[in-house]
PDB file of N, CA and C in Angstrom:
ATOM      1  N   MET A   1     168.683  76.455 134.593  1.00  0.00           N
ATOM      2  CA  MET A   1     167.510  77.207 134.985  1.00  0.00           C
ATOM      3  C   MET A   1     166.651  77.536 133.770  1.00  0.00           C
ATOM      4  N   ARG A   2     167.313  77.810 132.677  1.00  0.00           N
ATOM      5  CA  ARG A   2     166.593  78.168 131.464  1.00  0.00           C
ATOM      6  C   ARG A   2     165.798  76.982 130.915  1.00  0.00           C
ATOM      7  N   LYS A   3     166.367  75.778 131.034  1.00  0.00           N
ATOM      8  CA  LYS A   3     165.678  74.568 130.567  1.00  0.00           C
ATOM      9  C   LYS A   3     164.366  74.367 131.330  1.00  0.00           C
ATOM     10  N   GLU A   4     164.407  74.594 132.633  1.00  0.00           N
ATOM     11  CA  GLU A   4     163.219  74.405 133.457  1.00  0.00           C
ATOM     12  C   GLU A   4     162.098  75.350 133.022  1.00  0.00           C
ATOM     13  N   TRP A   5     162.455  76.590 132.718  1.00  0.00           N
ATOM     14  CA  TRP A   5     161.451  77.559 132.265  1.00  0.00           C
ATOM     15  C   TRP A   5     160.863  77.149 130.921  1.00  0.00           C
ATOM     16  N   ILE A   6     161.690  76.650 130.056  1.00  0.00           N
ATOM     17  CA  ILE A   6     161.213  76.201 128.738  1.00  0.00           C
ATOM     18  C   ILE A   6     160.286  75.011 128.905  1.00  0.00           C
ATOM     19  N   ILE A   7     160.675  74.063 129.744  1.00  0.00           N
ATOM     20  CA  ILE A   7     159.840  72.881 129.987  1.00  0.00           C
ATOM     21  C   ILE A   7     158.511  73.285 130.621  1.00  0.00           C
ATOM     22  N   CYS A   8     158.550  74.177 131.586  1.00  0.00           N
ATOM     23  CA  CYS A   8     157.304  74.654 132.216  1.00  0.00           C
ATOM     24  C   CYS A   8     156.418  75.356 131.194  1.00  0.00           C
ATOM     25  N   GLY A   9     157.032  76.147 130.332  1.00  0.00           N
ATOM     26  CA  GLY A   9     156.277  76.835 129.285  1.00  0.00           C
ATOM     27  C   GLY A   9     155.623  75.861 128.327  1.00  0.00           C
ATOM     28  N   ILE A  10     156.349  74.834 127.947  1.00  0.00           N
ATOM     29  CA  ILE A  10     155.803  73.817 127.035  1.00  0.00           C
ATOM     30  C   ILE A  10     154.651  73.070 127.702  1.00  0.00           C
ATOM     31  N   VAL A  11     154.823  72.715 128.972  1.00  0.00           N
ATOM     32  CA  VAL A  11     153.765  72.006 129.700  1.00  0.00           C
ATOM     33  C   VAL A  11     152.517  72.881 129.795  1.00  0.00           C
ATOM     34  N   LEU A  12     152.680  74.153 130.138  1.00  0.00           N
ATOM     35  CA  LEU A  12     151.537  75.060 130.215  1.00  0.00           C
ATOM     36  C   LEU A  12     150.866  75.229 128.854  1.00  0.00           C
ATOM     37  N   LEU A  13     151.656  75.308 127.818  1.00  0.00           N
ATOM     38  CA  LEU A  13     151.112  75.417 126.459  1.00  0.00           C
ATOM     39  C   LEU A  13     150.315  74.164 126.097  1.00  0.00           C
ATOM     40  N   LEU A  14     150.834  72.988 126.418  1.00  0.00           N
ATOM     41  CA  LEU A  14     150.117  71.744 126.148  1.00  0.00           C
ATOM     42  C   LEU A  14     148.815  71.656 126.937  1.00  0.00           C
ATOM     43  N   ILE A  15     148.854  72.099 128.182  1.00  0.00           N
ATOM     44  CA  ILE A  15     147.636  72.102 128.994  1.00  0.00           C
ATOM     45  C   ILE A  15     146.605  73.034 128.380  1.00  0.00           C
ATOM     46  N   GLY A  16     147.040  74.201 127.959  1.00  0.00           N
ATOM     47  CA  GLY A  16     146.134  75.162 127.336  1.00  0.00           C
ATOM     48  C   GLY A  16     145.526  74.636 126.044  1.00  0.00           C
ATOM     49  N   ILE A  17     146.339  74.042 125.206  1.00  0.00           N
ATOM     50  CA  ILE A  17     145.856  73.495 123.932  1.00  0.00           C
ATOM     51  C   ILE A  17     144.880  72.351 124.182  1.00  0.00           C
ATOM     52  N   THR A  18     145.216  71.466 125.118  1.00  0.00           N
ATOM     53  CA  THR A  18     144.326  70.350 125.444  1.00  0.00           C
ATOM     54  C   THR A  18     142.996  70.864 125.983  1.00  0.00           C
ATOM     55  N   ASN A  19     143.051  71.895 126.811  1.00  0.00           N
ATOM     56  CA  ASN A  19     141.825  72.470 127.345  1.00  0.00           C
ATOM     57  C   ASN A  19     140.960  73.046 126.227  1.00  0.00           C
ATOM     58  N   ILE A  20     141.569  73.738 125.304  1.00  0.00           N
ATOM     59  CA  ILE A  20     140.817  74.312 124.179  1.00  0.00           C
ATOM     60  C   ILE A  20     140.157  73.214 123.357  1.00  0.00           C
ATOM     61  N   ILE A  21     140.889  72.159 123.083  1.00  0.00           N
ATOM     62  CA  ILE A  21     140.344  71.045 122.288  1.00  0.00           C
ATOM     63  C   ILE A  21     139.173  70.380 123.014  1.00  0.00           C
ATOM     64  N   THR A  22     139.351  70.076 124.297  1.00  0.00           N
ATOM     65  CA  THR A  22     138.283  69.400 125.045  1.00  0.00           C
ATOM     66  C   THR A  22     137.080  70.310 125.235  1.00  0.00           C
ATOM     67  N   GLN A  23     137.334  71.599 125.446  1.00  0.00           N
ATOM     68  CA  GLN A  23     136.230  72.534 125.614  1.00  0.00           C
ATOM     69  C   GLN A  23     135.430  72.676 124.317  1.00  0.00           C
ATOM     70  N   ASN A  24     136.115  72.734 123.195  1.00  0.00           N
ATOM     71  CA  ASN A  24     135.421  72.811 121.903  1.00  0.00           C
ATOM     72  C   ASN A  24     134.598  71.556 121.649  1.00  0.00           C
ATOM     73  N   TYR A  25     135.160  70.400 121.966  1.00  0.00           N
ATOM     74  CA  TYR A  25     134.439  69.154 121.770  1.00  0.00           C
ATOM     75  C   TYR A  25     133.207  69.085 122.681  1.00  0.00           C
ATOM     76  N   THR A  26     133.371  69.512 123.923  1.00  0.00           N
ATOM     77  CA  THR A  26     132.246  69.520 124.854  1.00  0.00           C
ATOM     78  C   THR A  26     131.162  70.467 124.376  1.00  0.00           C
ATOM     79  N   ASN A  27     131.550  71.671 123.989  1.00  0.00           N
ATOM     80  CA  ASN A  27     130.571  72.647 123.493  1.00  0.00           C
ATOM     81  C   ASN A  27     129.833  72.127 122.271  1.00  0.00           C
ATOM     82  N   GLN A  28     130.572  71.548 121.349  1.00  0.00           N
ATOM     83  CA  GLN A  28     129.961  71.007 120.132  1.00  0.00           C
ATOM     84  C   GLN A  28     129.001  69.867 120.479  1.00  0.00           C
ATOM     85  N   SER A  29     129.406  69.001 121.375  1.00  0.00           N
ATOM     86  CA  SER A  29     128.560  67.871 121.774  1.00  0.00           C
ATOM     87  C   SER A  29     127.282  68.348 122.450  1.00  0.00           C
ATOM     88  N   VAL A  30     127.421  69.290 123.366  1.00  0.00           N
ATOM     89  CA  VAL A  30     126.258  69.797 124.092  1.00  0.00           C
ATOM     90  C   VAL A  30     125.320  70.536 123.152  1.00  0.00           C
ATOM     91  N   GLU A  31     125.863  71.345 122.275  1.00  0.00           N
ATOM     92  CA  GLU A  31     125.017  72.099 121.339  1.00  0.00           C
ATOM     93  C   GLU A  31     124.241  71.160 120.417  1.00  0.00           C
ATOM     94  N   THR A  32     124.892  70.135 119.919  1.00  0.00           N
ATOM     95  CA  THR A  32     124.216  69.187 119.035  1.00  0.00           C
ATOM     96  C   THR A  32     123.127  68.428 119.782  1.00  0.00           C
ATOM     97  N   MET A  33     123.451  67.946 120.990  1.00  0.00           N
ATOM     98  CA  MET A  33     122.446  67.239 121.789  1.00  0.00           C
ATOM     99  C   MET A  33     121.301  68.165 122.162  1.00  0.00           C
ATOM    100  N   ASP A  34     121.634  69.390 122.502  1.00  0.00           N
ATOM    101  CA  ASP A  34     120.615  70.372 122.868  1.00  0.00           C
ATOM    102  C   ASP A  34     119.646  70.585 121.707  1.00  0.00           C
ATOM    103  N   THR A  35     120.180  70.721 120.512  1.00  0.00           N
ATOM    104  CA  THR A  35     119.341  70.904 119.321  1.00  0.00           C
ATOM    105  C   THR A  35     118.453  69.688 119.085  1.00  0.00           C
ATOM    106  N   GLN A  36     119.039  68.502 119.186  1.00  0.00           N
ATOM    107  CA  GLN A  36     118.261  67.286 118.967  1.00  0.00           C
ATOM    108  C   GLN A  36     117.174  67.125 120.026  1.00  0.00           C
ATOM    109  N   LEU A  37     117.495  67.426 121.274  1.00  0.00           N
ATOM    110  CA  LEU A  37     116.506  67.291 122.335  1.00  0.00           C
ATOM    111  C   LEU A  37     115.414  68.357 122.228  1.00  0.00           C
ATOM    112  N   GLU A  38     115.767  69.537 121.776  1.00  0.00           N
ATOM    113  CA  GLU A  38     114.743  70.574 121.552  1.00  0.00           C
ATOM    114  C   GLU A  38     113.797  70.160 120.423  1.00  0.00           C
ATOM    115  N   ASN A  39     114.345  69.565 119.365  1.00  0.00           N
ATOM    116  CA  ASN A  39     113.497  69.056 118.278  1.00  0.00           C
ATOM    117  C   ASN A  39     112.562  67.966 118.795  1.00  0.00           C
ATOM    118  N   LEU A  40     113.093  67.087 119.629  1.00  0.00           N
ATOM    119  CA  LEU A  40     112.281  66.025 120.218  1.00  0.00           C
ATOM    120  C   LEU A  40     111.194  66.625 121.114  1.00  0.00           C
ATOM    121  N   LYS A  41     111.542  67.643 121.865  1.00  0.00           N
ATOM    122  CA  LYS A  41     110.571  68.300 122.737  1.00  0.00           C
ATOM    123  C   LYS A  41     109.420  68.882 121.913  1.00  0.00           C
ATOM    124  N   GLN A  42     109.743  69.500 120.787  1.00  0.00           N
ATOM    125  CA  GLN A  42     108.696  70.060 119.923  1.00  0.00           C
ATOM    126  C   GLN A  42     107.747  68.972 119.431  1.00  0.00           C
ATOM    127  N   LYS A  43     108.303  67.812 119.135  1.00  0.00           N
ATOM    128  CA  LYS A  43     107.465  66.692 118.685  1.00  0.00           C
ATOM    129  C   LYS A  43     106.612  66.148 119.838  1.00  0.00           C
ATOM    130  N   LEU A  44     107.150  66.172 121.050  1.00  0.00           N
ATOM    131  CA  LEU A  44     106.416  65.643 122.203  1.00  0.00           C
ATOM    132  C   LEU A  44     105.256  66.537 122.633  1.00  0.00           C
ATOM    133  N   ILE A  45     105.371  67.829 122.439  1.00  0.00           N
ATOM    134  CA  ILE A  45     104.333  68.735 122.925  1.00  0.00           C
ATOM    135  C   ILE A  45     103.275  69.052 121.872  1.00  0.00           C
ATOM    136  N   GLN A  46     103.384  68.449 120.702  1.00  0.00           N
ATOM    137  CA  GLN A  46     102.344  68.640 119.688  1.00  0.00           C
ATOM    138  C   GLN A  46     101.049  67.990 120.168  1.00  0.00           C
ATOM    139  N   GLU A  47      99.938  68.489 119.637  1.00  0.00           N
ATOM    140  CA  GLU A  47      98.646  67.910 120.024  1.00  0.00           C
ATOM    141  C   GLU A  47      98.515  66.473 119.557  1.00  0.00           C
ATOM    142  N   GLU A  48      98.900  66.227 118.313  1.00  0.00           N
ATOM    143  CA  GLU A  48      98.858  64.857 117.793  1.00  0.00           C
ATOM    144  C   GLU A  48     100.288  64.385 117.584  1.00  0.00           C
ATOM    145  N   VAL A  49     100.725  63.548 118.496  1.00  0.00           N
ATOM    146  CA  VAL A  49     102.094  63.055 118.462  1.00  0.00           C
ATOM    147  C   VAL A  49     102.150  61.796 117.612  1.00  0.00           C
ATOM    148  N   GLU A  50     103.092  61.776 116.663  1.00  0.00           N
ATOM    149  CA  GLU A  50     103.299  60.576 115.846  1.00  0.00           C
ATOM    150  C   GLU A  50     104.385  59.736 116.502  1.00  0.00           C
ATOM    151  N   LYS A  51     103.984  58.562 116.954  1.00  0.00           N
ATOM    152  CA  LYS A  51     104.879  57.710 117.734  1.00  0.00           C
ATOM    153  C   LYS A  51     106.153  57.365 116.969  1.00  0.00           C
ATOM    154  N   GLU A  52     106.039  57.013 115.694  1.00  0.00           N
ATOM    155  CA  GLU A  52     107.218  56.623 114.909  1.00  0.00           C
ATOM    156  C   GLU A  52     108.206  57.777 114.782  1.00  0.00           C
ATOM    157  N   GLU A  53     107.664  58.986 114.582  1.00  0.00           N
ATOM    158  CA  GLU A  53     108.520  60.163 114.448  1.00  0.00           C
ATOM    159  C   GLU A  53     109.275  60.430 115.743  1.00  0.00           C
ATOM    160  N   VAL A  54     108.567  60.354 116.859  1.00  0.00           N
ATOM    161  CA  VAL A  54     109.173  60.600 118.167  1.00  0.00           C
ATOM    162  C   VAL A  54     110.232  59.539 118.464  1.00  0.00           C
ATOM    163  N   GLU A  55     109.916  58.284 118.195  1.00  0.00           N
ATOM    164  CA  GLU A  55     110.867  57.209 118.460  1.00  0.00           C
ATOM    165  C   GLU A  55     112.118  57.352 117.592  1.00  0.00           C
ATOM    166  N   GLN A  56     111.933  57.740 116.334  1.00  0.00           N
ATOM    167  CA  GLN A  56     113.075  57.929 115.437  1.00  0.00           C
ATOM    168  C   GLN A  56     113.947  59.097 115.906  1.00  0.00           C
ATOM    169  N   GLU A  57     113.322  60.187 116.292  1.00  0.00           N
ATOM    170  CA  GLU A  57     114.063  61.355 116.784  1.00  0.00           C
ATOM    171  C   GLU A  57     114.826  60.998 118.056  1.00  0.00           C
ATOM    172  N   PHE A  58     114.186  60.230 118.941  1.00  0.00           N
ATOM    173  CA  PHE A  58     114.851  59.817 120.168  1.00  0.00           C
ATOM    174  C   PHE A  58     116.033  58.898 119.871  1.00  0.00           C
ATOM    175  N   GLU A  59     115.839  57.955 118.955  1.00  0.00           N
ATOM    176  CA  GLU A  59     116.928  57.041 118.592  1.00  0.00           C
ATOM    177  C   GLU A  59     118.111  57.798 117.991  1.00  0.00           C
ATOM    178  N   ASN A  60     117.834  58.810 117.170  1.00  0.00           N
ATOM    179  CA  ASN A  60     118.908  59.629 116.601  1.00  0.00           C
ATOM    180  C   ASN A  60     119.683  60.343 117.707  1.00  0.00           C
ATOM    181  N   ALA A  61     118.947  60.886 118.671  1.00  0.00           N
ATOM    182  CA  ALA A  61     119.591  61.572 119.790  1.00  0.00           C
ATOM    183  C   ALA A  61     120.435  60.596 120.612  1.00  0.00           C
ATOM    184  N   MET A  62     119.908  59.396 120.847  1.00  0.00           N
ATOM    185  CA  MET A  62     120.649  58.402 121.634  1.00  0.00           C
ATOM    186  C   MET A  62     121.903  57.918 120.905  1.00  0.00           C
ATOM    187  N   GLU A  63     121.822  57.746 119.591  1.00  0.00           N
ATOM    188  CA  GLU A  63     123.009  57.361 118.812  1.00  0.00           C
ATOM    189  C   GLU A  63     124.088  58.417 118.955  1.00  0.00           C
ATOM    190  N   HIS A  64     123.689  59.669 118.807  1.00  0.00           N
ATOM    191  CA  HIS A  64     124.645  60.769 118.950  1.00  0.00           C
ATOM    192  C   HIS A  64     125.230  60.784 120.356  1.00  0.00           C
ATOM    193  N   TRP A  65     124.390  60.596 121.368  1.00  0.00           N
ATOM    194  CA  TRP A  65     124.860  60.612 122.747  1.00  0.00           C
ATOM    195  C   TRP A  65     125.870  59.492 122.994  1.00  0.00           C
ATOM    196  N   LYS A  66     125.582  58.299 122.489  1.00  0.00           N
ATOM    197  CA  LYS A  66     126.496  57.170 122.705  1.00  0.00           C
ATOM    198  C   LYS A  66     127.851  57.414 122.049  1.00  0.00           C
ATOM    199  N   GLU A  67     127.856  58.029 120.866  1.00  0.00           N
ATOM    200  CA  GLU A  67     129.116  58.344 120.192  1.00  0.00           C
ATOM    201  C   GLU A  67     129.915  59.360 120.999  1.00  0.00           C
ATOM    202  N   ARG A  68     129.244  60.398 121.460  1.00  0.00           N
ATOM    203  CA  ARG A  68     129.921  61.466 122.194  1.00  0.00           C
ATOM    204  C   ARG A  68     130.314  61.028 123.593  1.00  0.00           C
ATOM    205  N   TYR A  69     129.497  60.178 124.210  1.00  0.00           N
ATOM    206  CA  TYR A  69     129.748  59.712 125.577  1.00  0.00           C
ATOM    207  C   TYR A  69     131.119  59.039 125.680  1.00  0.00           C
ATOM    208  N   LYS A  70     131.474  58.254 124.672  1.00  0.00           N
ATOM    209  CA  LYS A  70     132.741  57.512 124.692  1.00  0.00           C
ATOM    210  C   LYS A  70     133.933  58.447 124.888  1.00  0.00           C
ATOM    211  N   ILE A  71     133.910  59.589 124.225  1.00  0.00           N
ATOM    212  CA  ILE A  71     135.030  60.523 124.321  1.00  0.00           C
ATOM    213  C   ILE A  71     134.871  61.434 125.538  1.00  0.00           C
ATOM    214  N   LEU A  72     133.661  61.890 125.806  1.00  0.00           N
ATOM    215  CA  LEU A  72     133.441  62.773 126.953  1.00  0.00           C
ATOM    216  C   LEU A  72     133.823  62.086 128.267  1.00  0.00           C
ATOM    217  N   ALA A  73     133.654  60.784 128.334  1.00  0.00           N
ATOM    218  CA  ALA A  73     133.949  60.038 129.559  1.00  0.00           C
ATOM    219  C   ALA A  73     135.437  60.064 129.916  1.00  0.00           C
ATOM    220  N   TYR A  74     136.297  60.403 128.961  1.00  0.00           N
ATOM    221  CA  TYR A  74     137.726  60.482 129.248  1.00  0.00           C
ATOM    222  C   TYR A  74     138.069  61.649 130.170  1.00  0.00           C
ATOM    223  N   TYR A  75     137.303  62.741 130.073  1.00  0.00           N
ATOM    224  CA  TYR A  75     137.716  63.920 130.819  1.00  0.00           C
ATOM    225  C   TYR A  75     136.600  64.609 131.608  1.00  0.00           C
ATOM    226  N   ILE A  76     135.390  64.074 131.582  1.00  0.00           N
ATOM    227  CA  ILE A  76     134.301  64.641 132.367  1.00  0.00           C
ATOM    228  C   ILE A  76     133.896  63.617 133.420  1.00  0.00           C
ATOM    229  N   GLU A  77     133.524  64.118 134.591  1.00  0.00           N
ATOM    230  CA  GLU A  77     133.122  63.232 135.679  1.00  0.00           C
ATOM    231  C   GLU A  77     132.001  62.299 135.226  1.00  0.00           C
ATOM    232  N   HIS A  78     132.143  61.035 135.551  1.00  0.00           N
ATOM    233  CA  HIS A  78     131.154  60.047 135.140  1.00  0.00           C
ATOM    234  C   HIS A  78     129.796  60.302 135.785  1.00  0.00           C
ATOM    235  N   ASP A  79     129.796  60.845 136.988  1.00  0.00           N
ATOM    236  CA  ASP A  79     128.527  61.138 137.665  1.00  0.00           C
ATOM    237  C   ASP A  79     127.683  62.104 136.847  1.00  0.00           C
ATOM    238  N   GLU A  80     128.324  63.118 136.287  1.00  0.00           N
ATOM    239  CA  GLU A  80     127.600  64.102 135.478  1.00  0.00           C
ATOM    240  C   GLU A  80     127.012  63.449 134.228  1.00  0.00           C
ATOM    241  N   LEU A  81     127.803  62.632 133.583  1.00  0.00           N
ATOM    242  CA  LEU A  81     127.337  61.963 132.364  1.00  0.00           C
ATOM    243  C   LEU A  81     126.239  60.949 132.681  1.00  0.00           C
ATOM    244  N   GLU A  82     126.348  60.289 133.827  1.00  0.00           N
ATOM    245  CA  GLU A  82     125.329  59.316 134.216  1.00  0.00           C
ATOM    246  C   GLU A  82     123.998  59.980 134.541  1.00  0.00           C
ATOM    247  N   LYS A  83     124.029  61.221 135.012  1.00  0.00           N
ATOM    248  CA  LYS A  83     122.786  61.957 135.251  1.00  0.00           C
ATOM    249  C   LYS A  83     122.025  62.154 133.945  1.00  0.00           C
ATOM    250  N   VAL A  84     122.751  62.508 132.900  1.00  0.00           N
ATOM    251  CA  VAL A  84     122.121  62.679 131.584  1.00  0.00           C
ATOM    252  C   VAL A  84     121.577  61.342 131.108  1.00  0.00           C
ATOM    253  N   GLU A  85     122.365  60.300 131.254  1.00  0.00           N
ATOM    254  CA  GLU A  85     121.963  58.956 130.846  1.00  0.00           C
ATOM    255  C   GLU A  85     120.696  58.515 131.577  1.00  0.00           C
ATOM    256  N   THR A  86     120.609  58.808 132.874  1.00  0.00           N
ATOM    257  CA  THR A  86     119.442  58.448 133.676  1.00  0.00           C
ATOM    258  C   THR A  86     118.186  59.144 133.166  1.00  0.00           C
ATOM    259  N   GLU A  87     118.299  60.440 132.907  1.00  0.00           N
ATOM    260  CA  GLU A  87     117.138  61.197 132.414  1.00  0.00           C
ATOM    261  C   GLU A  87     116.717  60.723 131.029  1.00  0.00           C
ATOM    262  N   LEU A  88     117.679  60.405 130.183  1.00  0.00           N
ATOM    263  CA  LEU A  88     117.341  59.912 128.839  1.00  0.00           C
ATOM    264  C   LEU A  88     116.676  58.536 128.913  1.00  0.00           C
ATOM    265  N   THR A  89     117.111  57.709 129.848  1.00  0.00           N
ATOM    266  CA  THR A  89     116.498  56.395 130.026  1.00  0.00           C
ATOM    267  C   THR A  89     115.060  56.540 130.513  1.00  0.00           C
ATOM    268  N   SER A  90     114.848  57.458 131.434  1.00  0.00           N
ATOM    269  CA  SER A  90     113.491  57.729 131.917  1.00  0.00           C
ATOM    270  C   SER A  90     112.612  58.246 130.781  1.00  0.00           C
ATOM    271  N   LEU A  91     113.178  59.116 129.956  1.00  0.00           N
ATOM    272  CA  LEU A  91     112.453  59.638 128.795  1.00  0.00           C
ATOM    273  C   LEU A  91     112.098  58.501 127.830  1.00  0.00           C
ATOM    274  N   LYS A  92     113.020  57.584 127.635  1.00  0.00           N
ATOM    275  CA  LYS A  92     112.771  56.448 126.745  1.00  0.00           C
ATOM    276  C   LYS A  92     111.588  55.632 127.247  1.00  0.00           C
ATOM    277  N   GLY A  93     111.526  55.405 128.542  1.00  0.00           N
ATOM    278  CA  GLY A  93     110.400  54.668 129.117  1.00  0.00           C
ATOM    279  C   GLY A  93     109.081  55.376 128.879  1.00  0.00           C
ATOM    280  N   ASN A  94     109.070  56.681 129.060  1.00  0.00           N
ATOM    281  CA  ASN A  94     107.848  57.448 128.829  1.00  0.00           C
ATOM    282  C   ASN A  94     107.429  57.418 127.361  1.00  0.00           C
ATOM    283  N   ILE A  95     108.400  57.444 126.469  1.00  0.00           N
ATOM    284  CA  ILE A  95     108.077  57.380 125.041  1.00  0.00           C
ATOM    285  C   ILE A  95     107.514  56.006 124.684  1.00  0.00           C
ATOM    286  N   GLN A  96     108.097  54.956 125.254  1.00  0.00           N
ATOM    287  CA  GLN A  96     107.641  53.599 124.942  1.00  0.00           C
ATOM    288  C   GLN A  96     106.206  53.353 125.383  1.00  0.00           C
ATOM    289  N   VAL A  97     105.793  53.944 126.497  1.00  0.00           N
ATOM    290  CA  VAL A  97     104.423  53.743 126.975  1.00  0.00           C
ATOM    291  C   VAL A  97     103.502  54.885 126.545  1.00  0.00           C
ATOM    292  N   GLU A  98     104.010  55.714 125.647  1.00  0.00           N
ATOM    293  CA  GLU A  98     103.262  56.829 125.050  1.00  0.00           C
ATOM    294  C   GLU A  98     102.779  57.841 126.086  1.00  0.00           C
ATOM    295  N   GLN A  99     103.577  58.052 127.115  1.00  0.00           N
ATOM    296  CA  GLN A  99     103.303  59.080 128.125  1.00  0.00           C
ATOM    297  C   GLN A  99     104.182  60.294 127.788  1.00  0.00           C
ATOM    298  N   TYR A 100     103.853  60.934 126.687  1.00  0.00           N
ATOM    299  CA  TYR A 100     104.708  61.982 126.149  1.00  0.00           C
ATOM    300  C   TYR A 100     104.810  63.193 127.067  1.00  0.00           C
ATOM    301  N   GLU A 101     103.710  63.562 127.692  1.00  0.00           N
ATOM    302  CA  GLU A 101     103.729  64.742 128.560  1.00  0.00           C
ATOM    303  C   GLU A 101     104.598  64.522 129.794  1.00  0.00           C
ATOM    304  N   GLU A 102     104.654  63.285 130.290  1.00  0.00           N
ATOM    305  CA  GLU A 102     105.508  62.981 131.434  1.00  0.00           C
ATOM    306  C   GLU A 102     106.982  62.953 131.042  1.00  0.00           C
ATOM    307  N   GLY A 103     107.261  62.789 129.762  1.00  0.00           N
ATOM    308  CA  GLY A 103     108.643  62.763 129.287  1.00  0.00           C
ATOM    309  C   GLY A 103     109.273  64.130 129.143  1.00  0.00           C
ATOM    310  N   VAL A 104     108.437  65.159 129.032  1.00  0.00           N
ATOM    311  CA  VAL A 104     108.971  66.516 128.833  1.00  0.00           C
ATOM    312  C   VAL A 104     109.841  66.975 130.004  1.00  0.00           C
ATOM    313  N   PRO A 105     109.444  66.762 131.274  1.00  0.00           N
ATOM    314  CA  PRO A 105     110.346  67.169 132.376  1.00  0.00           C
ATOM    315  C   PRO A 105     111.692  66.437 132.340  1.00  0.00           C
ATOM    316  N   ASP A 106     111.687  65.157 131.973  1.00  0.00           N
ATOM    317  CA  ASP A 106     112.945  64.422 131.860  1.00  0.00           C
ATOM    318  C   ASP A 106     113.819  65.024 130.771  1.00  0.00           C
ATOM    319  N   LEU A 107     113.181  65.418 129.704  1.00  0.00           N
ATOM    320  CA  LEU A 107     113.883  66.062 128.592  1.00  0.00           C
ATOM    321  C   LEU A 107     114.487  67.387 129.040  1.00  0.00           C
ATOM    322  N   GLU A 108     113.721  68.163 129.774  1.00  0.00           N
ATOM    323  CA  GLU A 108     114.199  69.449 130.295  1.00  0.00           C
ATOM    324  C   GLU A 108     115.375  69.243 131.253  1.00  0.00           C
ATOM    325  N   LYS A 109     115.292  68.223 132.103  1.00  0.00           N
ATOM    326  CA  LYS A 109     116.392  67.936 133.025  1.00  0.00           C
ATOM    327  C   LYS A 109     117.654  67.562 132.258  1.00  0.00           C
ATOM    328  N   SER A 110     117.500  66.771 131.202  1.00  0.00           N
ATOM    329  CA  SER A 110     118.655  66.391 130.381  1.00  0.00           C
ATOM    330  C   SER A 110     119.323  67.613 129.783  1.00  0.00           C
ATOM    331  N   ILE A 111     118.518  68.504 129.245  1.00  0.00           N
ATOM    332  CA  ILE A 111     119.058  69.728 128.647  1.00  0.00           C
ATOM    333  C   ILE A 111     119.763  70.571 129.705  1.00  0.00           C
ATOM    334  N   PHE A 112     119.145  70.691 130.880  1.00  0.00           N
ATOM    335  CA  PHE A 112     119.755  71.463 131.962  1.00  0.00           C
ATOM    336  C   PHE A 112     121.095  70.860 132.378  1.00  0.00           C
ATOM    337  N   ILE A 113     121.141  69.549 132.555  1.00  0.00           N
ATOM    338  CA  ILE A 113     122.379  68.890 132.991  1.00  0.00           C
ATOM    339  C   ILE A 113     123.471  69.044 131.934  1.00  0.00           C
ATOM    340  N   LEU A 114     123.111  68.906 130.671  1.00  0.00           N
ATOM    341  CA  LEU A 114     124.093  69.089 129.604  1.00  0.00           C
ATOM    342  C   LEU A 114     124.681  70.497 129.626  1.00  0.00           C
ATOM    343  N   ASN A 115     123.821  71.494 129.785  1.00  0.00           N
ATOM    344  CA  ASN A 115     124.321  72.873 129.848  1.00  0.00           C
ATOM    345  C   ASN A 115     125.135  73.114 131.118  1.00  0.00           C
ATOM    346  N   HIS A 116     124.764  72.436 132.201  1.00  0.00           N
ATOM    347  CA  HIS A 116     125.539  72.531 133.436  1.00  0.00           C
ATOM    348  C   HIS A 116     126.939  71.946 133.235  1.00  0.00           C
ATOM    349  N   ILE A 117     127.023  70.823 132.550  1.00  0.00           N
ATOM    350  CA  ILE A 117     128.318  70.204 132.253  1.00  0.00           C
ATOM    351  C   ILE A 117     129.177  71.171 131.448  1.00  0.00           C
ATOM    352  N   LYS A 118     128.581  71.788 130.452  1.00  0.00           N
ATOM    353  CA  LYS A 118     129.317  72.731 129.606  1.00  0.00           C
ATOM    354  C   LYS A 118     129.879  73.884 130.437  1.00  0.00           C
ATOM    355  N   GLU A 119     129.075  74.437 131.331  1.00  0.00           N
ATOM    356  CA  GLU A 119     129.518  75.552 132.163  1.00  0.00           C
ATOM    357  C   GLU A 119     130.527  75.109 133.235  1.00  0.00           C
ATOM    358  N   LYS A 120     130.302  73.930 133.788  1.00  0.00           N
ATOM    359  CA  LYS A 120     131.156  73.452 134.870  1.00  0.00           C
ATOM    360  C   LYS A 120     132.590  73.217 134.422  1.00  0.00           C
ATOM    361  N   PHE A 121     132.768  72.752 133.212  1.00  0.00           N
ATOM    362  CA  PHE A 121     134.096  72.412 132.744  1.00  0.00           C
ATOM    363  C   PHE A 121     134.728  73.482 131.876  1.00  0.00           C
ATOM    364  N   LYS A 122     134.092  74.664 131.861  1.00  0.00           N
ATOM    365  CA  LYS A 122     134.662  75.790 131.142  1.00  0.00           C
ATOM    366  C   LYS A 122     135.784  76.372 131.987  1.00  0.00           C
ATOM    367  N   LEU A 123     136.888  76.720 131.351  1.00  0.00           N
ATOM    368  CA  LEU A 123     138.009  77.289 132.080  1.00  0.00           C
ATOM    369  C   LEU A 123     137.758  78.783 132.286  1.00  0.00           C
ATOM    370  N   ASN A 124     137.469  79.140 133.515  1.00  0.00           N
ATOM    371  CA  ASN A 124     137.359  80.543 133.896  1.00  0.00           C
ATOM    372  C   ASN A 124     137.753  80.677 135.362  1.00  0.00           C
ATOM    373  N   ILE A 125     137.888  81.899 135.800  1.00  0.00           N
ATOM    374  CA  ILE A 125     138.387  82.154 137.159  1.00  0.00           C
ATOM    375  C   ILE A 125     137.498  81.502 138.217  1.00  0.00           C
ATOM    376  N   LYS A 126     136.179  81.565 138.030  1.00  0.00           N
ATOM    377  CA  LYS A 126     135.244  80.994 139.005  1.00  0.00           C
ATOM    378  C   LYS A 126     135.449  79.491 139.178  1.00  0.00           C
ATOM    379  N   ASN A 127     135.727  78.779 138.088  1.00  0.00           N
ATOM    380  CA  ASN A 127     135.907  77.331 138.154  1.00  0.00           C
ATOM    381  C   ASN A 127     137.306  76.928 138.638  1.00  0.00           C
ATOM    382  N   VAL A 128     138.281  77.813 138.494  1.00  0.00           N
ATOM    383  CA  VAL A 128     139.647  77.493 138.928  1.00  0.00           C
ATOM    384  C   VAL A 128     139.726  77.552 140.443  1.00  0.00           C
ATOM    385  N   PHE A 129     139.098  78.544 141.047  1.00  0.00           N
ATOM    386  CA  PHE A 129     139.143  78.704 142.491  1.00  0.00           C
ATOM    387  C   PHE A 129     137.872  78.205 143.048  1.00  0.00           C
TER     388      PHE A 129
END
């Protein structure tokens, strides 16, 4: 009987540690993307938008997203991640045709979805039940 309690305790401890690690990684990923997308938003809403600057900022954000996506896909629903990918792709199209003002709502949706992912996968009583 004692062995079973020890094994259950170890399993619960491993689950807790894994949750902490994944939650920290998710928070770090979302915060970094959020910062990059906010910087991009500031560049998009300027009166005189420099296309090269906007494209470079977007490419930096996409590189970061692709790196983080590989690991996030292991433990976050693919549908949630694909929503972000869809909005970023739409934003890319708007940037390519220099429709910067139309890209801002896509950018806002991306930020919202990222923050939703962060909240959805946070371990708290509301998400457990």
